[in-house]
C-alpha atoms as a PDB file:
ATOM      1  CA  MET A   1     -67.283-163.845 -88.495  1.00  0.00           C
ATOM      2  CA  LYS A   2     -69.615-161.182 -87.665  1.00  0.00           C
ATOM      3  CA  LYS A   3     -69.986-162.261 -84.211  1.00  0.00           C
ATOM      4  CA  VAL A   4     -66.415-162.009 -83.609  1.00  0.00           C
ATOM      5  CA  VAL A   5     -66.227-157.981 -84.267  1.00  0.00           C
ATOM      6  CA  PRO A   6     -68.088-157.121 -81.147  1.00  0.00           C
ATOM      7  CA  VAL A   7     -65.919-159.520 -78.815  1.00  0.00           C
ATOM      8  CA  ILE A   8     -62.593-157.862 -80.116  1.00  0.00           C
ATOM      9  CA  ILE A   9     -64.146-154.589 -79.358  1.00  0.00           C
ATOM     10  CA  LEU A  10     -65.080-155.764 -75.866  1.00  0.00           C
ATOM     11  CA  LEU A  11     -61.450-157.051 -75.307  1.00  0.00           C
ATOM     12  CA  SER A  12     -60.026-154.252 -76.582  1.00  0.00           C
ATOM     13  CA  PHE A  13     -61.999-151.742 -74.597  1.00  0.00           C
ATOM     14  CA  MET A  14     -61.007-154.087 -71.341  1.00  0.00           C
ATOM     15  CA  LEU A  15     -57.253-153.976 -72.233  1.00  0.00           C
ATOM     16  CA  VAL A  16     -57.501-150.111 -72.290  1.00  0.00           C
ATOM     17  CA  PHE A  17     -59.527-149.849 -68.989  1.00  0.00           C
ATOM     18  CA  THR A  18     -56.985-152.108 -67.310  1.00  0.00           C
ATOM     19  CA  VAL A  19     -54.115-150.549 -68.130  1.00  0.00           C
ATOM     20  CA  THR A  20     -55.179-146.912 -67.697  1.00  0.00           C
ATOM     21  CA  SER A  21     -57.193-147.471 -64.411  1.00  0.00           C
ATOM     22  CA  PRO A  22     -55.538-146.422 -61.180  1.00  0.00           C
ATOM     23  CA  VAL A  23     -54.351-149.480 -59.050  1.00  0.00           C
ATOM     24  CA  SER A  24     -56.760-150.225 -56.280  1.00  0.00           C
ATOM     25  CA  ALA A  25     -56.095-152.355 -53.213  1.00  0.00           C
ATOM     26  CA  ALA A  26     -58.298-155.358 -54.540  1.00  0.00           C
ATOM     27  CA  GLU A  27     -56.048-155.148 -57.768  1.00  0.00           C
ATOM     28  CA  SER A  28     -52.701-154.985 -55.954  1.00  0.00           C
ATOM     29  CA  SER A  29     -51.818-158.906 -56.468  1.00  0.00           C
ATOM     30  CA  THR A  30     -51.784-158.458 -59.957  1.00  0.00           C
ATOM     31  CA  GLN A  31     -49.885-155.116 -59.732  1.00  0.00           C
ATOM     32  CA  MET A  32     -47.038-156.105 -57.748  1.00  0.00           C
ATOM     33  CA  THR A  33     -44.268-155.331 -60.053  1.00  0.00           C
ATOM     34  CA  ALA A  34     -45.567-151.688 -60.221  1.00  0.00           C
ATOM     35  CA  ILE A  35     -44.129-151.632 -56.305  1.00  0.00           C
ATOM     36  CA  PRO A  36     -40.541-150.337 -56.726  1.00  0.00           C
ATOM     37  CA  GLU A  37     -37.655-152.161 -54.609  1.00  0.00           C
ATOM     38  CA  THR A  38     -36.948-149.794 -51.826  1.00  0.00           C
ATOM     39  CA  ASP A  39     -34.054-151.387 -49.749  1.00  0.00           C
ATOM     40  CA  VAL A  40     -31.571-148.747 -50.787  1.00  0.00           C
ATOM     41  CA  ILE A  41     -33.085-146.331 -48.627  1.00  0.00           C
ATOM     42  CA  ASP A  42     -32.363-148.167 -45.434  1.00  0.00           C
ATOM     43  CA  THR A  43     -28.815-148.888 -46.719  1.00  0.00           C
ATOM     44  CA  VAL A  44     -28.192-144.895 -47.250  1.00  0.00           C
ATOM     45  CA  ILE A  45     -29.791-144.134 -44.147  1.00  0.00           C
ATOM     46  CA  ASP A  46     -27.260-146.729 -42.347  1.00  0.00           C
ATOM     47  CA  THR A  47     -24.402-145.080 -44.424  1.00  0.00           C
ATOM     48  CA  ILE A  48     -24.876-141.672 -43.564  1.00  0.00           C
ATOM     49  CA  GLY A  49     -26.147-142.388 -40.064  1.00  0.00           C
ATOM     50  CA  LYS A  50     -22.790-143.642 -38.967  1.00  0.00           C
ATOM     51  CA  ASN A  51     -21.495-139.858 -39.222  1.00  0.00           C
ATOM     52  CA  ILE A  52     -24.296-138.332 -37.461  1.00  0.00           C
ATOM     53  CA  GLN A  53     -24.150-138.773 -33.697  1.00  0.00           C
ATOM     54  CA  PHE A  54     -26.558-137.488 -31.040  1.00  0.00           C
ATOM     55  CA  ASP A  55     -24.972-135.833 -28.187  1.00  0.00           C
ATOM     56  CA  ALA A  56     -27.379-136.675 -24.949  1.00  0.00           C
ATOM     57  CA  ALA A  57     -25.273-134.169 -22.789  1.00  0.00           C
ATOM     58  CA  ASN A  58     -26.035-131.307 -24.848  1.00  0.00           C
ATOM     59  CA  GLU A  59     -29.198-132.583 -26.479  1.00  0.00           C
ATOM     60  CA  GLU A  60     -28.214-132.025 -29.965  1.00  0.00           C
ATOM     61  CA  PHE A  61     -27.562-134.131 -33.380  1.00  0.00           C
ATOM     62  CA  ILE A  62     -23.809-133.394 -34.534  1.00  0.00           C
ATOM     63  CA  VAL A  63     -23.036-134.089 -38.389  1.00  0.00           C
ATOM     64  CA  GLU A  64     -19.420-135.213 -38.374  1.00  0.00           C
ATOM     65  CA  ASP A  65     -17.285-135.019 -41.653  1.00  0.00           C
ATOM     66  CA  VAL A  66     -19.731-134.327 -44.684  1.00  0.00           C
ATOM     67  CA  ALA A  67     -16.967-134.934 -47.435  1.00  0.00           C
ATOM     68  CA  LYS A  68     -16.494-138.347 -45.637  1.00  0.00           C
ATOM     69  CA  ILE A  69     -20.128-139.483 -45.738  1.00  0.00           C
ATOM     70  CA  SER A  70     -19.964-138.545 -49.306  1.00  0.00           C
ATOM     71  CA  ASN A  71     -17.196-141.089 -50.222  1.00  0.00           C
ATOM     72  CA  ASP A  72     -18.907-143.620 -48.088  1.00  0.00           C
ATOM     73  CA  ILE A  73     -21.990-143.852 -50.471  1.00  0.00           C
ATOM     74  CA  SER A  74     -21.076-146.703 -53.074  1.00  0.00           C
ATOM     75  CA  ASP A  75     -21.880-145.925 -56.493  1.00  0.00           C
ATOM     76  CA  GLU A  76     -24.099-148.475 -56.840  1.00  0.00           C
ATOM     77  CA  ASP A  77     -26.472-146.992 -54.018  1.00  0.00           C
ATOM     78  CA  LEU A  78     -26.318-143.638 -55.473  1.00  0.00           C
ATOM     79  CA  GLN A  79     -27.419-145.412 -59.016  1.00  0.00           C
ATOM     80  CA  LYS A  80     -30.180-147.399 -56.994  1.00  0.00           C
ATOM     81  CA  ILE A  81     -31.429-144.131 -55.190  1.00  0.00           C
ATOM     82  CA  ASN A  82     -31.641-142.397 -58.589  1.00  0.00           C
ATOM     83  CA  GLU A  83     -33.324-145.150 -60.210  1.00  0.00           C
ATOM     84  CA  LEU A  84     -35.965-145.408 -57.205  1.00  0.00           C
ATOM     85  CA  ALA A  85     -36.353-141.569 -57.531  1.00  0.00           C
ATOM     86  CA  LYS A  86     -37.079-141.953 -60.935  1.00  0.00           C
ATOM     87  CA  GLN A  87     -39.874-144.579 -60.516  1.00  0.00           C
ATOM     88  CA  GLN A  88     -41.528-142.591 -57.718  1.00  0.00           C
ATOM     89  CA  ASN A  89     -41.635-139.387 -59.747  1.00  0.00           C
ATOM     90  CA  VAL A  90     -38.958-137.518 -57.636  1.00  0.00           C
ATOM     91  CA  ASN A  91     -38.129-135.133 -60.315  1.00  0.00           C
ATOM     92  CA  VAL A  92     -34.268-134.964 -59.204  1.00  0.00           C
ATOM     93  CA  VAL A  93     -30.867-136.785 -60.320  1.00  0.00           C
ATOM     94  CA  TYR A  94     -28.940-136.605 -57.020  1.00  0.00           C
ATOM     95  CA  THR A  95     -25.079-136.537 -56.742  1.00  0.00           C
ATOM     96  CA  LYS A  96     -23.551-137.937 -53.652  1.00  0.00           C
ATOM     97  CA  GLU A  97     -23.201-134.822 -52.383  1.00  0.00           C
ATOM     98  CA  SER A  98     -26.381-133.447 -53.219  1.00  0.00           C
ATOM     99  CA  LEU A  99     -28.103-136.874 -51.504  1.00  0.00           C
ATOM    100  CA  VAL A 100     -25.955-136.270 -48.297  1.00  0.00           C
ATOM    101  CA  GLU A 101     -27.011-132.241 -48.187  1.00  0.00           C
ATOM    102  CA  LYS A 102     -30.599-133.315 -48.668  1.00  0.00           C
ATOM    103  CA  PHE A 103     -30.760-135.887 -45.883  1.00  0.00           C
ATOM    104  CA  THR A 104     -28.952-133.798 -43.324  1.00  0.00           C
ATOM    105  CA  GLU A 105     -30.692-130.587 -44.102  1.00  0.00           C
ATOM    106  CA  GLY A 106     -32.659-128.942 -41.313  1.00  0.00           C
ATOM    107  CA  ILE A 107     -30.438-130.545 -38.491  1.00  0.00           C
ATOM    108  CA  ASP A 108     -29.986-126.905 -36.828  1.00  0.00           C
ATOM    109  CA  GLU A 109     -33.552-126.642 -36.987  1.00  0.00           C
ATOM    110  CA  LEU A 110     -34.264-129.841 -35.609  1.00  0.00           C
ATOM    111  CA  ASN A 111     -31.534-129.085 -32.525  1.00  0.00           C
ATOM    112  CA  GLU A 112     -33.530-126.203 -31.961  1.00  0.00           C
ATOM    113  CA  SER A 113     -37.015-127.838 -31.709  1.00  0.00           C
ATOM    114  CA  ILE A 114     -35.396-130.393 -28.969  1.00  0.00           C
ATOM    115  CA  SER A 115     -33.706-126.980 -27.223  1.00  0.00           C
ATOM    116  CA  ASN A 116     -36.945-125.608 -27.105  1.00  0.00           C
ATOM    117  CA  ASN A 117     -38.740-128.679 -25.556  1.00  0.00           C
ATOM    118  CA  GLU A 118     -40.821-129.063 -28.549  1.00  0.00           C
ATOM    119  CA  LEU A 119     -39.456-132.823 -29.432  1.00  0.00           C
ATOM    120  CA  THR A 120     -38.540-135.606 -27.144  1.00  0.00           C
ATOM    121  CA  VAL A 121     -35.303-137.715 -28.141  1.00  0.00           C
ATOM    122  CA  LEU A 122     -35.985-141.625 -27.177  1.00  0.00           C
ATOM    123  CA  THR A 123     -32.878-143.904 -26.545  1.00  0.00           C
ATOM    124  CA  ASN A 124     -33.248-145.228 -29.942  1.00  0.00           C
ATOM    125  CA  GLY A 125     -32.873-141.564 -31.690  1.00  0.00           C
ATOM    126  CA  GLU A 126     -36.290-141.294 -32.399  1.00  0.00           C
ATOM    127  CA  LEU A 127     -38.178-137.967 -32.037  1.00  0.00           C
ATOM    128  CA  ILE A 128     -41.610-137.632 -31.182  1.00  0.00           C
ATOM    129  CA  GLU A 129     -43.599-134.418 -30.046  1.00  0.00           C
ATOM    130  CA  LYS A 130     -43.500-133.586 -26.605  1.00  0.00           C
ATOM    131  CA  ASN A 131     -47.090-134.148 -25.583  1.00  0.00           C
ATOM    132  CA  ASP A 132     -47.769-137.054 -28.436  1.00  0.00           C
ATOM    133  CA  GLU A 133     -49.619-139.523 -26.133  1.00  0.00           C
ATOM    134  CA  ASN A 134     -50.716-141.415 -29.571  1.00  0.00           C
ATOM    135  CA  PHE A 135     -47.047-142.608 -29.707  1.00  0.00           C
ATOM    136  CA  TYR A 136     -47.448-145.453 -27.312  1.00  0.00           C
ATOM    137  CA  VAL A 137     -50.605-146.760 -29.145  1.00  0.00           C
ATOM    138  CA  GLN A 138     -49.812-150.329 -30.662  1.00  0.00           C
ATOM    139  CA  GLY A 139     -51.237-151.960 -33.770  1.00  0.00           C
ATOM    140  CA  GLY A 140     -53.063-150.397 -36.498  1.00  0.00           C
ATOM    141  CA  SER A 141     -52.022-146.729 -34.657  1.00  0.00           C
ATOM    142  CA  THR A 142     -52.170-143.396 -36.492  1.00  0.00           C
ATOM    143  CA  LYS A 143     -49.190-141.472 -35.500  1.00  0.00           C
ATOM    144  CA  ALA A 144     -46.004-139.721 -36.749  1.00  0.00           C
ATOM    145  CA  VAL A 145     -42.490-140.493 -35.724  1.00  0.00           C
ATOM    146  CA  ASN A 146     -39.659-138.303 -36.723  1.00  0.00           C
ATOM    147  CA  HIS A 147     -36.004-138.650 -37.226  1.00  0.00           C
ATOM    148  CA  TRP A 148     -33.079-137.205 -38.520  1.00  0.00           C
ATOM    149  CA  TRP A 149     -33.676-138.283 -42.116  1.00  0.00           C
ATOM    150  CA  GLY A 150     -37.295-138.084 -42.418  1.00  0.00           C
ATOM    151  CA  THR A 151     -40.579-139.209 -40.768  1.00  0.00           C
ATOM    152  CA  ASP A 152     -42.593-142.499 -40.462  1.00  0.00           C
ATOM    153  CA  TYR A 153     -46.125-142.322 -40.717  1.00  0.00           C
ATOM    154  CA  TYR A 154     -48.003-144.669 -39.176  1.00  0.00           C
ATOM    155  CA  LYS A 155     -51.821-145.209 -40.501  1.00  0.00           C
ATOM    156  CA  SER A 156     -54.652-147.387 -39.615  1.00  0.00           C
ATOM    157  CA  THR A 157     -56.225-149.199 -42.109  1.00  0.00           C
ATOM    158  CA  ALA A 158     -59.281-146.569 -42.426  1.00  0.00           C
ATOM    159  CA  ASN A 159     -56.629-143.765 -42.013  1.00  0.00           C
ATOM    160  CA  ALA A 160     -54.396-145.285 -44.647  1.00  0.00           C
ATOM    161  CA  ASN A 161     -57.445-145.325 -47.041  1.00  0.00           C
ATOM    162  CA  LYS A 162     -58.222-141.793 -46.371  1.00  0.00           C
ATOM    163  CA  TRP A 163     -54.485-140.496 -46.939  1.00  0.00           C
ATOM    164  CA  ALA A 164     -54.682-142.502 -50.325  1.00  0.00           C
ATOM    165  CA  TYR A 165     -57.568-140.587 -51.604  1.00  0.00           C
ATOM    166  CA  GLU A 166     -56.075-137.490 -50.246  1.00  0.00           C
ATOM    167  CA  ALA A 167     -52.789-138.420 -52.491  1.00  0.00           C
ATOM    168  CA  ASN A 168     -54.819-139.047 -55.605  1.00  0.00           C
ATOM    169  CA  GLN A 169     -56.790-135.904 -55.143  1.00  0.00           C
ATOM    170  CA  LEU A 170     -53.675-133.879 -54.584  1.00  0.00           C
ATOM    171  CA  ALA A 171     -52.413-135.719 -57.720  1.00  0.00           C
ATOM    172  CA  ILE A 172     -55.120-134.449 -60.040  1.00  0.00           C
ATOM    173  CA  GLY A 173     -54.963-130.988 -58.332  1.00  0.00           C
ATOM    174  CA  HIS A 174     -57.887-130.934 -56.184  1.00  0.00           C
ATOM    175  CA  VAL A 175     -57.780-129.240 -52.986  1.00  0.00           C
ATOM    176  CA  VAL A 176     -57.737-131.233 -49.841  1.00  0.00           C
ATOM    177  CA  ALA A 177     -58.140-130.276 -45.888  1.00  0.00           C
ATOM    178  CA  GLY A 178     -55.089-128.182 -45.066  1.00  0.00           C
ATOM    179  CA  GLY A 179     -53.170-128.765 -48.516  1.00  0.00           C
ATOM    180  CA  ALA A 180     -50.161-130.008 -48.845  1.00  0.00           C
ATOM    181  CA  ILE A 181     -49.127-129.011 -45.230  1.00  0.00           C
ATOM    182  CA  GLY A 182     -52.039-130.971 -43.903  1.00  0.00           C
ATOM    183  CA  PHE A 183     -51.434-134.151 -45.714  1.00  0.00           C
ATOM    184  CA  PHE A 184     -47.874-134.234 -44.075  1.00  0.00           C
ATOM    185  CA  SER A 185     -48.987-132.972 -40.994  1.00  0.00           C
ATOM    186  CA  GLY A 186     -46.772-134.830 -37.795  1.00  0.00           C
ATOM    187  CA  GLY A 187     -43.887-134.641 -40.016  1.00  0.00           C
ATOM    188  CA  LEU A 188     -40.993-132.208 -39.992  1.00  0.00           C
ATOM    189  CA  GLY A 189     -42.452-130.435 -42.823  1.00  0.00           C
ATOM    190  CA  PHE A 190     -39.659-130.637 -45.374  1.00  0.00           C
ATOM    191  CA  VAL A 191     -41.777-132.455 -48.017  1.00  0.00           C
ATOM    192  CA  VAL A 192     -44.144-129.938 -48.390  1.00  0.00           C
ATOM    193  CA  GLY A 193     -43.807-128.000 -51.738  1.00  0.00           C
ATOM    194  CA  GLY A 194     -40.980-130.300 -52.727  1.00  0.00           C
ATOM    195  CA  VAL A 195     -42.829-132.986 -55.098  1.00  0.00           C
ATOM    196  CA  ALA A 196     -44.677-132.857 -58.211  1.00  0.00           C
ATOM    197  CA  SER A 197     -48.168-134.118 -58.281  1.00  0.00           C
ATOM    198  CA  SER A 198     -47.169-137.130 -59.911  1.00  0.00           C
ATOM    199  CA  TRP A 199     -45.364-138.267 -56.963  1.00  0.00           C
ATOM    200  CA  TYR A 200     -48.850-137.944 -54.972  1.00  0.00           C
ATOM    201  CA  PHE A 201     -50.312-140.698 -57.291  1.00  0.00           C
ATOM    202  CA  MET A 202     -47.342-143.053 -57.152  1.00  0.00           C
ATOM    203  CA  PHE A 203     -47.271-142.545 -53.232  1.00  0.00           C
ATOM    204  CA  ALA A 204     -51.271-143.413 -53.530  1.00  0.00           C
ATOM    205  CA  ASN A 205     -50.659-146.548 -55.364  1.00  0.00           C
ATOM    206  CA  SER A 206     -47.991-147.667 -52.814  1.00  0.00           C
ATOM    207  CA  LEU A 207     -50.492-147.217 -49.704  1.00  0.00           C
ATOM    208  CA  ASN A 208     -53.151-149.037 -51.431  1.00  0.00           C
ATOM    209  CA  TYR A 209     -51.050-152.003 -52.278  1.00  0.00           C
ATOM    210  CA  TYR A 210     -49.854-152.343 -48.797  1.00  0.00           C
ATOM    211  CA  ASN A 211     -52.910-151.411 -46.782  1.00  0.00           C
ATOM    212  CA  GLY A 212     -54.605-154.234 -48.654  1.00  0.00           C
ATOM    213  CA  LEU A 213     -52.214-156.711 -47.902  1.00  0.00           C
ATOM    214  CA  SER A 214     -53.456-156.796 -44.112  1.00  0.00           C
ATOM    215  CA  LYS A 215     -56.042-155.082 -41.525  1.00  0.00           C
ATOM    216  CA  ARG A 216     -53.093-154.038 -39.457  1.00  0.00           C
ATOM    217  CA  GLY A 217     -52.733-150.561 -41.427  1.00  0.00           C
ATOM    218  CA  ILE A 218     -49.238-149.387 -42.862  1.00  0.00           C
ATOM    219  CA  VAL A 219     -46.008-147.534 -41.962  1.00  0.00           C
ATOM    220  CA  ALA A 220     -44.865-145.045 -44.523  1.00  0.00           C
ATOM    221  CA  SER A 221     -41.401-143.890 -44.226  1.00  0.00           C
ATOM    222  CA  ILE A 222     -40.597-140.740 -46.068  1.00  0.00           C
ATOM    223  CA  THR A 223     -37.122-139.414 -46.489  1.00  0.00           C
ATOM    224  CA  LYS A 224     -35.933-135.770 -46.820  1.00  0.00           C
ATOM    225  CA  ALA A 225     -34.704-137.101 -50.401  1.00  0.00           C
ATOM    226  CA  PHE A 226     -38.476-137.467 -51.300  1.00  0.00           C
ATOM    227  CA  VAL A 227     -37.816-141.247 -51.614  1.00  0.00           C
ATOM    228  CA  TYR A 228     -40.199-143.413 -49.397  1.00  0.00           C
ATOM    229  CA  ASN A 229     -40.672-146.927 -48.432  1.00  0.00           C
ATOM    230  CA  VAL A 230     -44.173-148.231 -47.313  1.00  0.00           C
ATOM    231  CA  LYS A 231     -44.929-151.670 -45.527  1.00  0.00           C
ATOM    232  CA  THR A 232     -47.545-152.899 -43.439  1.00  0.00           C
ATOM    233  CA  GLN A 233     -47.650-152.157 -39.552  1.00  0.00           C
END
């Protein structure tokens, strides 16, 4: 019996260490259940997007009947968005109206940037900075592609690792180069100041998981409602 005690203590220590240690790319295969389901983001974007048109002649986005947009969002999708927001440490409980308001805010500023020739609108509705030469680089690239709903961040494997490190640093209150503004550089700037430190930790967890699945890098789609989706490039 005396020989059993050290073994039990060792196993207990290993259990505590496993539970409390941050998720790394190497551990991702055993932590798959920690990554929340995010399909509802695309569903909500599609629902709202049906009522947002781009007027090519005047080069501006037009938000149609806001009340109709709210009614078009199903109760089930609203519940899923709020469940996802809770899992990703977004400290907000959305109503249909507040969700639509969040997704469509900043449209006027977006139109102004287009008018000032700061952004180029592609035929598929994507927005890129006027002189963004990195946009057309394929595979494992690092760039930001803006949309009316938020930003797609493309990161190579190395840059995704660096981004995850910076997210963890912000999560524990450390300063990174450029702060939160630098962390979201290239995007529309709507996220800065809008998320808690725990959000960064969950985001780093997702980055590490998907970056560990391939050598092609990742794409992180961050919406104006702060919920996000990460996938491999």
